[in-house]
Amino acid sequence: MIHQFFAYSRKKKTPMEVCEGLGLYDLKNRIWHIQGSCALKGDGLYEGLDWLASTLKELQASGRLPSGGTSLF
């Protein structure tokens, strides 16, 4: 299972602090990524989507992700 998180905090927390607060470091057998972002400026959006696209391609190439018309949801 793949998880993508966009971290935006009004309290100026770093992405690492958000990871700790959400307990992401405790997730086992999961592929996850946290991307710092700013909803107002769009910062981090393309970087997060690039990570997601490349991760999906890697999983598909390794055979761990179904190819074709199979839905992930």
Protein backbone atom coordinates (compact mmCIF):
# COMPACT_ATOMS: atom_id res chain seq x y z
CA MET A 1 0.00 0.00 0.00
CA ILE A 2 1.24 3.46 -0.92
CA HIS A 3 0.64 6.55 1.17
CA GLN A 4 1.36 10.11 0.07
CA PHE A 5 1.18 12.91 2.63
CA PHE A 6 1.40 16.61 1.93
CA ALA A 7 2.52 18.36 5.09
CA TYR A 8 1.25 21.84 5.72
CA SER A 9 1.23 23.20 9.22
CA ARG A 10 0.15 26.61 10.37
CA LYS A 11 2.38 26.11 13.39
CA LYS A 12 5.52 25.98 11.21
CA LYS A 13 6.29 22.34 11.91
CA THR A 14 8.82 20.60 9.73
CA PRO A 15 7.80 17.55 7.70
CA MET A 16 9.83 15.42 10.15
CA GLU A 17 7.84 16.80 13.08
CA VAL A 18 4.60 16.02 11.22
CA CYS A 19 5.86 12.45 10.62
CA GLU A 20 6.50 12.02 14.30
CA GLY A 21 3.12 13.50 15.23
CA LEU A 22 1.27 11.19 12.84
CA GLY A 23 3.30 8.15 13.86
CA LEU A 24 4.47 7.54 10.28
CA TYR A 25 7.78 6.08 11.44
CA ASP A 26 5.79 3.24 13.01
CA LEU A 27 4.21 2.20 9.69
CA LYS A 28 5.62 -1.16 8.66
CA ASN A 29 5.23 -2.84 5.27
CA ARG A 30 4.07 0.44 3.75
CA ILE A 31 5.64 2.76 1.23
CA TRP A 32 5.14 6.33 2.31
CA HIS A 33 6.46 9.79 1.59
CA ILE A 34 5.85 13.12 3.21
CA GLN A 35 6.20 16.28 1.18
CA GLY A 36 6.36 19.75 2.66
CA SER A 37 3.85 21.95 0.89
CA CYS A 38 2.08 25.28 0.81
CA ALA A 39 -1.53 25.25 -0.32
CA LEU A 40 -1.55 28.96 -1.09
CA LYS A 41 1.52 28.93 -3.35
CA GLY A 42 1.38 25.34 -4.57
CA ASP A 43 4.88 24.63 -3.27
CA GLY A 44 5.65 20.93 -3.00
CA LEU A 45 2.72 19.74 -5.11
CA TYR A 46 4.72 18.76 -8.20
CA GLU A 47 7.48 17.20 -6.10
CA GLY A 48 4.96 15.03 -4.27
CA LEU A 49 3.23 13.97 -7.47
CA ASP A 50 6.59 13.21 -9.10
CA TRP A 51 7.43 10.92 -6.17
CA LEU A 52 4.07 9.18 -6.49
CA ALA A 53 4.43 8.66 -10.25
CA SER A 54 7.97 7.31 -10.01
CA THR A 55 7.05 5.01 -7.11
CA LEU A 56 4.10 3.60 -9.04
CA LYS A 57 6.31 3.01 -12.10
CA GLU A 58 8.91 1.21 -9.96
CA LEU A 59 6.27 -1.00 -8.35
CA GLN A 60 4.73 -1.82 -11.72
CA ALA A 61 8.13 -2.65 -13.23
CA SER A 62 8.93 -4.95 -10.30
CA GLY A 63 5.58 -6.74 -10.65
CA ARG A 64 4.31 -5.60 -7.25
CA LEU A 65 1.62 -3.45 -8.84
CA PRO A 66 -1.01 -4.74 -11.27
CA SER A 67 -0.74 -3.35 -14.77
CA GLY A 68 -3.52 -2.38 -17.11
CA GLY A 69 -7.04 -1.43 -16.11
CA THR A 70 -6.87 -2.62 -12.51
CA SER A 71 -7.90 0.03 -10.00
CA LEU A 72 -5.79 0.72 -6.92
CA PHE A 73 -8.87 1.72 -4.93
